[in-house]
Protein backbone atom coordinates (compact mmCIF):
# COMPACT_ATOMS: atom_id res chain seq x y z
CA MET A 1 10.83 -65.71 -52.25
CA THR A 2 9.90 -62.03 -51.94
CA ILE A 3 10.53 -60.00 -55.09
CA VAL A 4 12.35 -56.79 -54.19
CA PRO A 5 11.81 -53.74 -56.41
CA ARG A 6 15.12 -52.74 -57.99
CA ARG A 7 15.19 -49.25 -56.48
CA PHE A 8 15.07 -50.81 -52.98
CA ALA A 9 17.53 -53.68 -53.46
CA LEU A 10 20.54 -51.82 -52.05
CA LEU A 11 18.48 -50.64 -49.10
CA TYR A 12 17.55 -54.17 -48.05
CA GLY A 13 21.18 -55.24 -48.17
CA MET A 14 22.49 -52.30 -46.12
CA PHE A 15 19.76 -51.37 -43.66
CA LEU A 16 20.74 -53.83 -40.96
CA VAL A 17 24.34 -52.60 -40.71
CA PRO A 18 23.39 -49.82 -38.26
CA PHE A 19 21.43 -52.37 -36.24
CA PHE A 20 24.42 -54.69 -35.82
CA VAL A 21 26.66 -51.80 -34.90
CA LEU A 22 24.24 -50.24 -32.46
CA PHE A 23 23.54 -53.47 -30.62
CA SER A 24 27.14 -54.62 -30.25
CA GLY A 25 29.78 -53.54 -27.72
CA GLY A 26 29.05 -55.61 -24.65
CA VAL A 27 26.03 -56.55 -22.56
CA GLY A 28 25.73 -53.24 -20.76
CA VAL A 29 26.00 -51.17 -23.87
CA ALA A 30 23.61 -53.43 -25.73
CA GLN A 31 21.08 -53.23 -22.92
CA ALA A 32 21.28 -49.44 -22.91
CA GLN A 33 20.76 -49.38 -26.64
CA VAL A 34 17.74 -51.70 -26.40
CA THR A 35 16.27 -49.47 -23.72
CA ALA A 36 16.84 -46.37 -25.84
CA PHE A 37 15.24 -48.14 -28.83
CA LYS A 38 12.15 -49.13 -26.86
CA GLN A 39 11.85 -45.70 -25.31
CA ALA A 40 11.97 -44.12 -28.77
CA VAL A 41 9.31 -46.53 -30.03
CA ALA A 42 7.05 -45.73 -27.09
CA GLU A 43 7.45 -41.99 -27.59
CA ALA A 44 6.96 -42.10 -31.37
CA ALA A 45 3.84 -44.27 -31.10
CA ALA A 46 2.28 -42.34 -28.21
CA ASP A 47 0.02 -40.09 -30.31
CA ASP A 48 -1.52 -43.04 -32.20
CA ASP A 49 -3.53 -45.18 -29.79
CA ASP A 50 -3.73 -48.18 -32.12
CA VAL A 51 -0.04 -48.30 -33.00
CA ALA A 52 0.86 -47.65 -29.35
CA ALA A 53 -1.40 -50.50 -28.26
CA TYR A 54 0.37 -52.90 -30.62
CA TYR A 55 3.83 -52.01 -29.35
CA ARG A 56 2.73 -52.29 -25.73
CA GLN A 57 1.43 -55.80 -26.46
CA VAL A 58 4.79 -56.90 -27.88
CA GLY A 59 6.92 -55.16 -25.30
CA TYR A 60 8.14 -52.59 -27.86
CA ALA A 61 9.91 -55.29 -29.85
CA PRO A 62 10.67 -54.45 -33.49
CA LEU A 63 8.34 -55.47 -36.30
CA TRP A 64 10.50 -54.09 -39.13
CA THR A 65 14.00 -53.27 -37.92
CA GLY A 66 15.04 -56.53 -36.33
CA GLU A 67 17.67 -59.00 -37.49
CA GLY A 68 16.94 -61.82 -39.93
CA GLU A 69 14.99 -62.82 -43.02
CA GLU A 70 11.54 -62.31 -41.47
CA PHE A 71 12.23 -58.59 -40.99
CA ARG A 72 13.71 -58.20 -44.46
CA ALA A 73 10.65 -59.94 -45.91
CA ARG A 74 8.32 -57.53 -44.12
CA ARG A 75 10.19 -54.49 -45.39
CA ALA A 76 10.32 -55.91 -48.90
CA ALA A 77 6.58 -56.64 -48.88
CA LEU A 78 5.73 -53.15 -47.63
CA PHE A 79 7.87 -51.28 -50.13
CA HIS A 80 6.71 -53.47 -52.98
CA ALA A 81 3.11 -52.57 -52.06
CA LEU A 82 3.96 -48.86 -51.76
CA GLU A 83 5.67 -48.90 -55.13
CA ASN A 84 2.47 -50.24 -56.68
CA VAL A 85 -0.16 -48.02 -55.03
CA PRO A 86 -0.98 -46.32 -58.37
CA LEU A 87 -2.40 -49.65 -59.58
CA HIS A 88 -5.18 -49.15 -57.03
CA GLY A 89 -5.76 -45.51 -57.86
CA LEU A 90 -4.07 -44.42 -54.64
CA ALA A 91 -1.70 -41.49 -54.25
CA SER A 92 1.98 -42.41 -53.83
CA ARG A 93 2.98 -39.08 -52.36
CA ILE A 94 0.98 -39.48 -49.16
CA TYR A 95 3.28 -42.32 -48.09
CA ASP A 96 6.49 -40.29 -48.73
CA ILE A 97 8.40 -43.37 -49.88
CA ASP A 98 11.61 -41.48 -50.66
CA GLY A 99 11.53 -39.74 -47.30
CA LEU A 100 11.09 -43.04 -45.52
CA ILE A 101 14.01 -44.59 -47.40
CA ALA A 102 16.21 -41.62 -46.57
CA ARG A 103 15.40 -41.96 -42.88
CA MET A 104 16.24 -45.66 -42.97
CA LYS A 105 19.58 -45.05 -44.65
CA ASP A 106 20.53 -42.30 -42.20
CA VAL A 107 19.91 -44.26 -39.01
CA GLY A 108 22.86 -43.55 -36.69
CA SER A 109 21.58 -44.34 -33.21
CA SER A 110 19.24 -46.71 -31.46
CA ARG A 111 16.85 -43.83 -30.88
CA GLU A 112 16.74 -43.05 -34.61
CA LEU A 113 16.19 -46.76 -35.29
CA GLY A 114 13.20 -46.71 -32.92
CA LEU A 115 11.73 -43.70 -34.69
CA VAL A 116 12.13 -45.43 -38.06
CA GLU A 117 10.48 -48.54 -36.64
CA VAL A 118 7.33 -46.61 -35.78
CA ALA A 119 7.41 -44.67 -39.05
CA LEU A 120 7.31 -47.98 -40.93
CA SER A 121 4.36 -49.19 -38.85
CA ARG A 122 2.51 -45.92 -39.40
CA THR A 123 3.10 -46.15 -43.14
CA PHE A 124 2.00 -49.77 -43.24
CA ILE A 125 -1.19 -49.13 -41.30
CA ALA A 126 -2.00 -46.08 -43.42
CA TYR A 127 -1.59 -48.11 -46.60
CA ALA A 128 -3.59 -51.01 -45.16
CA GLN A 129 -6.53 -48.77 -44.28
CA ASP A 130 -6.39 -46.88 -47.58
CA VAL A 131 -6.36 -50.00 -49.72
CA GLN A 132 -8.95 -51.83 -47.60
CA THR A 133 -11.51 -49.12 -46.91
CA GLY A 134 -10.48 -46.06 -48.89
CA MET A 135 -8.39 -42.92 -48.53
CA LEU A 136 -11.36 -40.56 -48.17
CA VAL A 137 -14.11 -40.24 -45.57
CA PRO A 138 -17.35 -40.46 -47.62
CA SER A 139 -19.47 -38.04 -45.58
CA GLU A 140 -16.76 -35.39 -45.80
CA ILE A 141 -17.05 -35.41 -49.60
CA ASP A 142 -20.83 -35.21 -49.88
CA SER A 143 -23.50 -35.10 -47.17
CA GLY A 144 -25.58 -37.58 -49.14
CA ILE A 145 -22.92 -40.30 -48.85
CA VAL A 146 -23.87 -41.55 -45.41
CA ARG A 147 -22.45 -45.03 -45.84
CA GLU A 148 -20.82 -46.43 -42.71
CA VAL A 149 -17.45 -47.76 -43.77
CA ALA A 150 -16.45 -51.04 -42.10
CA TYR A 151 -13.03 -49.92 -40.89
CA ARG A 152 -10.72 -52.68 -39.67
CA ASN A 153 -9.10 -52.72 -36.24
CA ARG A 154 -5.68 -51.18 -36.89
CA THR A 155 -4.00 -52.85 -33.91
CA GLU A 156 -5.31 -56.23 -35.02
CA THR A 157 -4.06 -55.59 -38.56
CA LEU A 158 -0.55 -55.05 -37.18
CA ASN A 159 -0.86 -58.23 -35.11
CA GLN A 160 -2.02 -60.27 -38.08
CA PHE A 161 0.81 -58.95 -40.21
CA ALA A 162 3.35 -59.73 -37.48
CA HIS A 163 2.18 -63.37 -37.43
CA ALA A 164 1.93 -63.78 -41.20
CA VAL A 165 4.25 -66.52 -42.48
CA ARG A 166 4.49 -64.74 -45.85
CA PRO A 167 4.19 -60.98 -45.38
CA ALA A 168 3.72 -60.33 -49.11
CA ASP A 169 0.78 -62.73 -49.22
CA PHE A 170 -0.83 -60.99 -46.26
CA ILE A 171 -0.50 -57.56 -47.88
CA ALA A 172 -1.99 -58.98 -51.09
CA THR A 173 -5.18 -59.82 -49.15
CA LEU A 174 -5.73 -56.25 -47.98
CA PRO A 175 -7.59 -54.81 -51.04
CA PRO A 176 -11.22 -55.84 -51.61
CA GLU A 177 -11.26 -59.43 -52.84
CA THR A 178 -14.28 -58.94 -55.07
CA PRO A 179 -14.62 -59.66 -58.80
CA GLU A 180 -15.75 -56.06 -59.21
CA TYR A 181 -12.54 -54.65 -57.73
CA ARG A 182 -10.41 -56.87 -59.95
CA ALA A 183 -12.43 -55.89 -63.02
CA LEU A 184 -12.07 -52.20 -62.21
CA MET A 185 -8.31 -52.55 -61.77
CA LYS A 186 -8.07 -54.22 -65.18
CA ALA A 187 -10.23 -51.50 -66.73
CA LYS A 188 -7.93 -48.89 -65.22
CA LEU A 189 -4.88 -50.49 -66.81
CA ASP A 190 -6.65 -50.85 -70.16
CA LEU A 191 -7.71 -47.20 -70.15
CA GLU A 192 -4.25 -46.01 -69.17
CA LYS A 193 -2.79 -48.00 -72.04
CA GLY A 194 -5.40 -46.58 -74.40
CA ILE A 195 -4.69 -43.01 -73.29
CA ALA A 196 -0.96 -43.51 -73.84
CA GLU A 197 -1.75 -44.76 -77.36
CA GLY A 198 -3.89 -41.74 -78.22
CA GLY A 199 -7.40 -42.55 -77.00
CA TRP A 200 -10.46 -43.47 -79.06
CA GLY A 201 -9.82 -41.06 -81.89
CA PRO A 202 -11.63 -37.92 -83.11
CA VAL A 203 -15.02 -37.06 -81.64
CA VAL A 204 -18.13 -37.63 -83.77
CA GLN A 205 -19.54 -34.41 -85.22
CA GLY A 206 -23.24 -33.72 -85.68
CA SER A 207 -26.35 -34.12 -83.55
CA ILE A 208 -27.97 -37.28 -84.93
CA LEU A 209 -26.96 -40.14 -87.22
CA ARG A 210 -29.38 -42.76 -88.53
CA PRO A 211 -29.14 -46.13 -90.30
CA GLY A 212 -28.62 -45.72 -94.03
CA GLU A 213 -26.68 -42.45 -93.76
CA THR A 214 -23.15 -41.89 -95.10
CA GLY A 215 -20.48 -39.24 -94.65
CA ASP A 216 -17.45 -38.24 -92.60
CA ALA A 217 -19.37 -38.26 -89.31
CA LEU A 218 -20.36 -41.85 -90.01
CA ILE A 219 -16.70 -42.82 -90.43
CA SER A 220 -15.79 -41.13 -87.13
CA LEU A 221 -18.63 -42.99 -85.40
CA ARG A 222 -17.54 -46.30 -86.91
CA ASN A 223 -13.87 -45.79 -85.98
CA ARG A 224 -14.67 -44.73 -82.43
CA LEU A 225 -16.87 -47.78 -81.83
CA ILE A 226 -14.13 -49.99 -83.29
CA SER A 227 -11.62 -48.47 -80.87
CA MET A 228 -14.02 -49.06 -77.98
CA GLY A 229 -14.38 -52.71 -78.91
CA TYR A 230 -18.02 -52.61 -80.03
CA MET A 231 -17.35 -53.83 -83.57
CA ALA A 232 -14.66 -55.45 -85.67
CA ARG A 233 -12.60 -53.43 -88.11
CA SER A 234 -14.60 -52.40 -91.15
CA ALA A 235 -14.14 -50.27 -94.27
CA SER A 236 -17.86 -49.60 -94.64
CA HIS A 237 -18.82 -45.97 -95.26
CA GLU A 238 -22.51 -46.57 -94.53
CA TYR A 239 -24.60 -46.74 -91.36
CA ASP A 240 -25.25 -50.44 -91.97
CA ALA A 241 -26.68 -53.21 -89.81
CA THR A 242 -23.28 -53.94 -88.24
CA LEU A 243 -22.84 -50.35 -87.14
CA GLN A 244 -26.42 -50.20 -85.91
CA ALA A 245 -25.84 -53.32 -83.77
CA ALA A 246 -22.67 -51.73 -82.34
CA VAL A 247 -24.59 -48.55 -81.48
CA GLN A 248 -27.27 -50.62 -79.74
CA ALA A 249 -24.66 -52.52 -77.72
CA PHE A 250 -23.07 -49.21 -76.72
CA GLN A 251 -26.46 -47.81 -75.72
CA ILE A 252 -27.20 -50.82 -73.52
CA ASP A 253 -23.81 -50.42 -71.79
CA HIS A 254 -24.53 -46.76 -71.09
CA GLY A 255 -28.12 -46.97 -69.84
CA LEU A 256 -29.67 -45.56 -73.04
CA GLN A 257 -32.66 -46.71 -75.06
CA PRO A 258 -31.15 -49.25 -77.52
CA ASP A 259 -32.84 -47.90 -80.66
CA GLY A 260 -29.69 -48.09 -82.79
CA ILE A 261 -29.90 -44.40 -83.65
CA ALA A 262 -26.95 -42.22 -82.68
CA GLY A 263 -28.93 -39.29 -81.31
CA PRO A 264 -27.72 -36.42 -79.09
CA ASN A 265 -27.61 -38.45 -75.85
CA THR A 266 -25.84 -41.37 -77.50
CA LEU A 267 -23.31 -39.17 -79.27
CA ALA A 268 -22.64 -37.27 -76.06
CA GLN A 269 -21.72 -40.56 -74.37
CA ILE A 270 -19.69 -41.81 -77.34
CA ASN A 271 -17.71 -38.56 -77.30
CA VAL A 272 -16.83 -38.72 -73.59
CA PRO A 273 -13.00 -38.64 -73.45
CA MET A 274 -11.12 -41.73 -72.32
CA GLU A 275 -9.61 -39.63 -69.52
CA ASP A 276 -13.08 -39.01 -68.06
CA ARG A 277 -13.87 -42.72 -68.16
CA LEU A 278 -10.61 -43.37 -66.32
CA LYS A 279 -11.65 -40.90 -63.62
CA SER A 280 -14.94 -42.80 -63.22
CA VAL A 281 -13.07 -46.08 -62.82
CA ILE A 282 -10.65 -44.65 -60.23
CA VAL A 283 -13.59 -43.22 -58.27
CA ALA A 284 -15.34 -46.60 -58.51
CA LEU A 285 -12.25 -48.27 -57.01
CA GLU A 286 -12.43 -45.90 -54.04
CA ARG A 287 -16.15 -46.55 -53.70
CA GLU A 288 -15.55 -50.32 -53.82
CA ARG A 289 -13.11 -49.90 -50.95
CA TRP A 290 -15.76 -48.02 -48.95
CA PHE A 291 -18.11 -50.92 -49.69
CA ASN A 292 -15.61 -53.60 -48.60
CA MET A 293 -18.01 -55.48 -46.35
CA ASP A 294 -20.13 -58.62 -46.15
CA ARG A 295 -23.04 -57.74 -48.42
CA GLY A 296 -25.06 -60.88 -47.73
CA ALA A 297 -25.38 -64.04 -49.82
CA ARG A 298 -28.77 -62.63 -50.82
CA HIS A 299 -29.00 -58.86 -50.97
CA ILE A 300 -30.77 -56.01 -52.72
CA LEU A 301 -28.61 -53.62 -54.72
CA VAL A 302 -29.92 -50.22 -55.82
CA ASN A 303 -27.51 -48.45 -58.16
CA MET A 304 -28.78 -44.89 -58.35
CA THR A 305 -26.89 -43.84 -61.47
CA ASP A 306 -28.17 -46.92 -63.29
CA PHE A 307 -31.73 -46.31 -62.01
CA SER A 308 -31.98 -50.03 -61.25
CA THR A 309 -32.83 -52.33 -58.36
CA ARG A 310 -31.57 -55.91 -58.34
CA ILE A 311 -31.75 -58.94 -56.10
CA ILE A 312 -28.41 -60.72 -55.96
CA ASP A 313 -28.23 -64.35 -54.88
CA ARG A 314 -24.69 -65.65 -54.34
CA GLY A 315 -23.28 -63.29 -56.92
CA GLU A 316 -25.98 -63.88 -59.54
CA VAL A 317 -28.68 -61.35 -60.49
CA THR A 318 -32.00 -63.15 -59.94
CA PHE A 319 -34.31 -60.14 -60.27
CA GLU A 320 -34.00 -56.72 -61.85
CA THR A 321 -36.29 -53.75 -62.34
CA ARG A 322 -36.05 -50.11 -63.38
CA SER A 323 -36.10 -47.53 -60.63
CA VAL A 324 -36.72 -43.85 -59.98
CA ILE A 325 -34.47 -42.01 -57.52
CA GLY A 326 -34.61 -38.64 -55.75
CA LYS A 327 -34.64 -35.39 -57.67
CA ASN A 328 -31.33 -33.62 -58.09
CA THR A 329 -32.04 -30.93 -55.52
CA SER A 330 -30.32 -30.48 -52.18
CA ALA A 331 -33.24 -31.72 -50.09
CA LEU A 332 -34.37 -34.61 -52.29
CA ARG A 333 -31.28 -36.51 -53.45
CA SER A 334 -31.35 -40.15 -52.37
CA PRO A 335 -28.66 -40.97 -49.79
CA GLU A 336 -26.17 -43.83 -50.03
CA PHE A 337 -26.22 -46.36 -47.20
CA SER A 338 -26.92 -49.98 -46.26
CA ASP A 339 -29.56 -51.45 -43.97
CA MET A 340 -31.80 -54.51 -43.52
CA MET A 341 -35.15 -54.90 -45.29
CA THR A 342 -37.44 -56.37 -42.64
CA HIS A 343 -40.96 -56.13 -44.06
CA MET A 344 -43.30 -54.89 -46.74
CA VAL A 345 -46.56 -52.99 -46.27
CA VAL A 346 -49.36 -53.92 -48.66
CA ASN A 347 -52.03 -51.24 -49.29
CA PRO A 348 -49.91 -48.63 -47.54
CA SER A 349 -51.04 -45.26 -46.34
CA TRP A 350 -48.74 -42.40 -47.26
CA TYR A 351 -47.85 -40.36 -44.23
CA VAL A 352 -46.70 -37.20 -45.94
CA PRO A 353 -43.22 -36.06 -44.81
CA ARG A 354 -43.21 -32.83 -42.86
CA SER A 355 -41.05 -31.15 -45.49
CA ILE A 356 -43.60 -31.86 -48.22
CA VAL A 357 -46.50 -30.81 -45.99
CA THR A 358 -45.01 -27.41 -45.17
CA GLN A 359 -43.13 -26.62 -48.37
CA GLU A 360 -45.54 -27.93 -51.00
CA TYR A 361 -49.03 -28.42 -49.55
CA LEU A 362 -49.35 -25.62 -46.96
CA PRO A 363 -48.94 -22.84 -49.59
CA GLN A 364 -51.75 -24.45 -51.59
CA LEU A 365 -53.96 -24.75 -48.51
CA ARG A 366 -53.49 -21.07 -47.74
CA ARG A 367 -54.93 -20.26 -51.15
CA ASN A 368 -57.64 -22.92 -51.07
CA PRO A 369 -58.48 -25.02 -47.98
CA HIS A 370 -59.78 -27.79 -50.25
CA ALA A 371 -56.56 -28.12 -52.26
CA VAL A 372 -54.97 -31.58 -52.43
CA GLY A 373 -58.31 -33.02 -51.45
CA HIS A 374 -57.11 -36.62 -51.84
CA ILE A 375 -54.94 -36.12 -48.74
CA GLU A 376 -56.46 -36.28 -45.26
CA ILE A 377 -55.45 -33.65 -42.71
CA THR A 378 -55.18 -35.04 -39.19
CA ASP A 379 -54.58 -33.57 -35.74
CA SER A 380 -52.07 -34.73 -33.15
CA ARG A 381 -54.43 -37.54 -32.10
CA GLY A 382 -54.88 -38.83 -35.64
CA ARG A 383 -58.42 -37.44 -36.03
CA ARG A 384 -59.50 -36.11 -39.41
CA VAL A 385 -59.66 -32.30 -39.52
CA ASN A 386 -62.58 -30.38 -41.02
CA ARG A 387 -60.86 -28.13 -43.56
CA ASP A 388 -63.69 -25.55 -43.45
CA ALA A 389 -63.06 -25.02 -39.75
CA VAL A 390 -59.37 -24.09 -40.18
CA ASP A 391 -57.85 -20.77 -41.25
CA PHE A 392 -54.70 -22.06 -42.93
CA SER A 393 -53.47 -18.53 -43.65
CA GLN A 394 -52.47 -18.14 -39.99
CA TYR A 395 -49.93 -20.97 -40.17
CA SER A 396 -46.33 -21.05 -41.29
CA ALA A 397 -43.96 -23.95 -41.85
CA ARG A 398 -42.81 -23.51 -38.25
CA ASN A 399 -46.17 -23.63 -36.44
CA PHE A 400 -48.38 -25.77 -38.72
CA PRO A 401 -49.91 -28.21 -36.15
CA PHE A 402 -51.36 -30.86 -38.46
CA SER A 403 -50.21 -33.99 -40.25
CA MET A 404 -51.33 -35.27 -43.64
CA ARG A 405 -52.11 -38.79 -44.76
CA GLN A 406 -53.16 -40.37 -48.01
CA PRO A 407 -55.25 -43.54 -47.38
CA PRO A 408 -54.60 -46.76 -49.33
CA SER A 409 -55.78 -46.65 -52.94
CA ASN A 410 -54.61 -47.06 -56.52
CA ARG A 411 -53.85 -43.32 -56.52
CA ASN A 412 -51.72 -43.48 -53.39
CA ALA A 413 -48.29 -41.89 -53.91
CA LEU A 414 -46.71 -45.13 -52.67
CA GLY A 415 -48.81 -47.28 -54.98
CA LEU A 416 -49.98 -50.57 -53.53
CA VAL A 417 -46.87 -51.77 -51.70
CA LYS A 418 -43.81 -50.37 -49.97
CA PHE A 419 -40.68 -52.20 -48.84
CA MET A 420 -39.26 -51.16 -45.51
CA PHE A 421 -35.72 -51.11 -44.13
CA PRO A 422 -36.29 -48.76 -41.17
CA ASN A 423 -33.67 -46.02 -41.17
CA LYS A 424 -33.20 -42.48 -39.91
CA TYR A 425 -33.36 -41.10 -43.45
CA SER A 426 -36.98 -42.25 -44.00
CA ILE A 427 -35.98 -43.94 -47.26
CA TYR A 428 -37.73 -47.03 -48.59
CA LEU A 429 -38.61 -48.74 -51.87
CA HIS A 430 -42.17 -48.55 -53.18
CA ASP A 431 -44.69 -48.81 -55.98
CA THR A 432 -45.96 -45.68 -57.74
CA PRO A 433 -48.98 -44.71 -59.84
CA SER A 434 -46.69 -42.59 -62.05
CA LYS A 435 -45.66 -45.41 -64.38
CA SER A 436 -44.71 -43.15 -67.30
CA LEU A 437 -41.60 -41.94 -65.46
CA PHE A 438 -39.94 -45.31 -66.09
CA ASN A 439 -39.81 -44.56 -69.81
CA HIS A 440 -37.11 -41.91 -69.31
CA ASP A 441 -33.38 -42.67 -69.58
CA THR A 442 -32.65 -40.42 -66.60
CA ARG A 443 -35.11 -41.12 -63.79
CA ALA A 444 -34.48 -38.68 -60.92
CA PHE A 445 -38.03 -37.60 -59.99
CA SER A 446 -38.85 -38.72 -56.44
CA HIS A 447 -38.62 -37.02 -53.05
CA GLY A 448 -35.75 -39.34 -52.12
CA CYS A 449 -37.32 -42.80 -51.90
CA ILE A 450 -36.75 -45.44 -54.58
CA ARG A 451 -39.72 -46.20 -56.85
CA LEU A 452 -39.90 -49.57 -58.61
CA ALA A 453 -41.27 -50.30 -62.06
CA ASP A 454 -42.19 -53.90 -61.13
CA PRO A 455 -43.03 -53.83 -57.41
CA PHE A 456 -45.33 -56.87 -57.46
CA ASP A 457 -42.66 -59.07 -59.07
CA PHE A 458 -40.16 -57.70 -56.57
CA ALA A 459 -42.53 -58.74 -53.75
CA TYR A 460 -42.92 -62.24 -55.20
CA ALA A 461 -39.13 -62.63 -55.41
CA LEU A 462 -38.68 -61.56 -51.78
CA LEU A 463 -41.47 -63.82 -50.52
CA SER A 464 -40.29 -66.84 -52.51
CA ARG A 465 -37.95 -67.86 -49.69
CA GLN A 466 -40.73 -68.11 -47.09
CA THR A 467 -43.76 -69.50 -48.93
CA ASP A 468 -44.51 -71.93 -51.74
CA ASN A 469 -47.05 -69.51 -53.18
CA PRO A 470 -45.57 -65.99 -52.95
CA LYS A 471 -47.93 -64.58 -55.58
CA GLY A 472 -50.96 -66.01 -53.81
CA LEU A 473 -49.85 -64.69 -50.41
CA PHE A 474 -49.26 -61.23 -51.83
CA HIS A 475 -52.54 -60.94 -53.73
CA SER A 476 -54.70 -62.40 -50.98
CA THR A 477 -53.31 -59.63 -48.76
CA LEU A 478 -53.68 -56.99 -51.46
CA ASN A 479 -57.31 -57.93 -52.14
CA THR A 480 -58.35 -57.12 -48.57
CA GLY A 481 -57.74 -53.43 -49.29
CA ARG A 482 -56.44 -53.06 -45.75
CA GLU A 483 -53.03 -51.76 -44.78
CA THR A 484 -51.13 -54.93 -43.83
CA ARG A 485 -47.57 -55.74 -42.87
CA ILE A 486 -45.84 -58.87 -44.19
CA ASN A 487 -42.51 -59.66 -42.55
CA ILE A 488 -39.61 -60.66 -44.79
CA GLU A 489 -37.97 -63.73 -43.27
CA PRO A 490 -35.09 -63.66 -42.99
CA ALA A 491 -34.45 -59.94 -43.37
CA VAL A 492 -32.45 -59.04 -46.49
CA PRO A 493 -29.56 -56.56 -46.63
CA VAL A 494 -30.27 -53.63 -48.93
CA HIS A 495 -27.49 -51.44 -50.32
CA LEU A 496 -28.07 -48.06 -51.96
CA ILE A 497 -24.97 -47.39 -54.03
CA TYR A 498 -23.88 -44.86 -56.64
CA ARG A 499 -21.58 -46.13 -59.38
CA THR A 500 -20.87 -44.36 -62.65
CA ALA A 501 -18.53 -47.22 -63.67
CA PHE A 502 -19.35 -50.85 -62.94
CA THR A 503 -19.18 -54.31 -64.46
CA GLY A 504 -22.18 -55.35 -66.56
CA GLU A 505 -23.57 -58.85 -66.88
CA LYS A 506 -21.36 -59.55 -69.92
CA GLY A 507 -18.22 -58.54 -68.03
CA ARG A 508 -17.73 -55.24 -69.86
CA ILE A 509 -17.32 -52.03 -67.85
CA GLU A 510 -20.49 -49.95 -68.20
CA TYR A 511 -20.76 -46.22 -67.58
CA ARG A 512 -23.55 -43.96 -66.33
CA GLY A 513 -24.04 -40.25 -65.82
CA ASP A 514 -22.99 -38.53 -62.60
CA VAL A 515 -26.58 -37.61 -61.72
CA TYR A 516 -25.86 -35.77 -58.48
CA GLY A 517 -22.27 -34.70 -59.25
CA ARG A 518 -21.00 -36.85 -56.38
CA ASP A 519 -18.33 -38.66 -58.37
CA ALA A 520 -16.96 -35.35 -59.63
CA ARG A 521 -16.51 -34.25 -56.02
CA ILE A 522 -14.86 -37.55 -55.11
CA TRP A 523 -12.45 -37.20 -58.03
CA GLU A 524 -11.56 -33.66 -56.97
CA ALA A 525 -10.83 -34.93 -53.45
CA LEU A 526 -8.72 -37.81 -54.78
CA GLU A 527 -6.83 -35.40 -56.99
CA ARG A 528 -6.06 -33.21 -53.97
CA THR A 529 -4.45 -36.22 -52.28
CA GLY A 530 -2.17 -36.67 -55.30
CA VAL A 531 -4.05 -39.20 -57.43
CA ALA A 532 -3.25 -38.53 -61.09
CA LEU A 533 -4.20 -40.01 -64.45
CA ALA A 534 -1.40 -42.21 -65.74
CA GLY A 535 -0.64 -41.71 -69.42
CA VAL A 536 -2.02 -38.17 -69.47
CA GLN A 537 0.43 -35.45 -70.47
CA GLY A 538 0.02 -32.57 -68.03
C-alpha cells in the first residue's frame, strides 16, 4: 500500500470529486468534456516535445487525473517523492508543490483538469531528470567539466511510469543505484544531525601539535577527533599514542601524510566546519547523478582532488597509484570526462602542444636559438630544422611555422610510457621523469595530462587480461628503445572525476581540497536553485 504524506491525505480523498462531476450529465455532455480535456492536454503539452509525444501516443488519456486506485497511487507516489527531495540535496521550491496542490484543489472545469494533468507530468519528469542525472548542466558551471551526462529519454520515462505496477517502486529506482550514492545520502543525514546538535565543537588553536605535548589546544584536538569518530572518549590531557593514531587515521582520510603530527595542513582540515563538509557531500550527490552511467565492470578512475588513479574490477580496487594533475591555471586544469583507453605507447615521443611551443619555448628561442636543446624543431614535413639557420625573433605565437618533438629517452617529458584514450582535449595518462612531485600532498603540476607514480605497474595491470606474462611483454617492448604501440584488449573505460567527498575503502566518507574551486561553483549554483543546509540557522 502506498504511504500518503499527512499533508496530502485530504487532497487524495477529494481530488476526484471534480472529475466525477465534470464527466457526468449524459453521453453528449460527457463527450464534450472529454474533448475539452484532451484539447487542454494537447495545448498544455505543446511546448514540450517529449511530454507532447507521450500524450499523443496514449491518445491524450490521463496519467494522473483519471478514476481509480491506479491514478491515486501515481499521485501519492509523486507527492511522496516531492516531499522528500531534500534527502537527495535537491531544491523543493523548483517543483512548487504548494502551487500544484492549489491548482488541483481548484479544478472547476474539464479544461482546468487537463491543464493540471500536464502540470503533474511536467513536475514528474522534472523530478525524474533531476534525481537521475542532476539539476545542473555541468558545462554551464565550469568549462572544465566537459562530462557528457547520460540523460534518459523523457518520453520513455513517462511510458515506463505509466506501465509500472507499483508507481512508488518505480520512482524509488530513479536515483543512482550505486553504493556511493547511498553512502553520500547517509553522510548527509549524519552531518545534518550533527549540525543540529552543535557540530564538532570548538576549533583547535595553534599551528602545530606534536606527540608528548599537553595543554588546552590538545584537549580541543582530542575532543574534536572524538566527535568526528576517530577515537573513543578519553580523559587524557596528553598527546599520547591513542591521539596520535587518531590523527594518523584522520590524515589518511583527508589525503595528508600520515605522520601523526597535527601540523598546519592537518589542523586546517580538522577545523573545517561541519557545514562545509555538508556542502561537499551535497555537491558529491549532484556529481554522482551526473555520473549515473554504466562505468564498465573494469574501469579506470582518476579522482583529481585525491590525486589518485585506480583500476576498479567489479567494484573492487585492484590497482592504485598516486597521480599528478594539471596546474590550477585557466589553460592547464585537467578536464572531467569519460572515454575508452585503447592503447599504450612504449618509448613515446613527446609532440609538444602548440600552446607550450608558442607560450613557453618560443620566447626562449628568441633569446637563444639553442635553448631547450633536448627538443627537436621540425618543419611541416617532419624534417629536423637547423636552429642556426632560423631567425626566431621574426616569429610570434600566431605565425611560428614549426613543431617541436622530444624523442624517446629517460628524460622525455612523458617518461617511458603513455596511456591513450584518444579525445579532443589531448589528455592522457603517462610516466614522468619528475618523480619528486609525487611526494607532495597537493599534486597539481602538469599541463593537463595525468602523470602516474607507478606507470610500469599500471601497464602490467592493464596487460594482465591479454597475456600470461604482462611484465615480460612490456619490458621486451621497452628494451627495443623504439616508439611502439601496444593495444589494450579489450579497451577499458577511463573516467576523470573530481570529488571532494567520497567513500574510502573502509566505508568512511573522506574529504579532499577543492583544488580548482569547481565544487564551490557547483555549490553556489545549487544554492541559487534553492538548495539549503538543513539544521543550519540562517
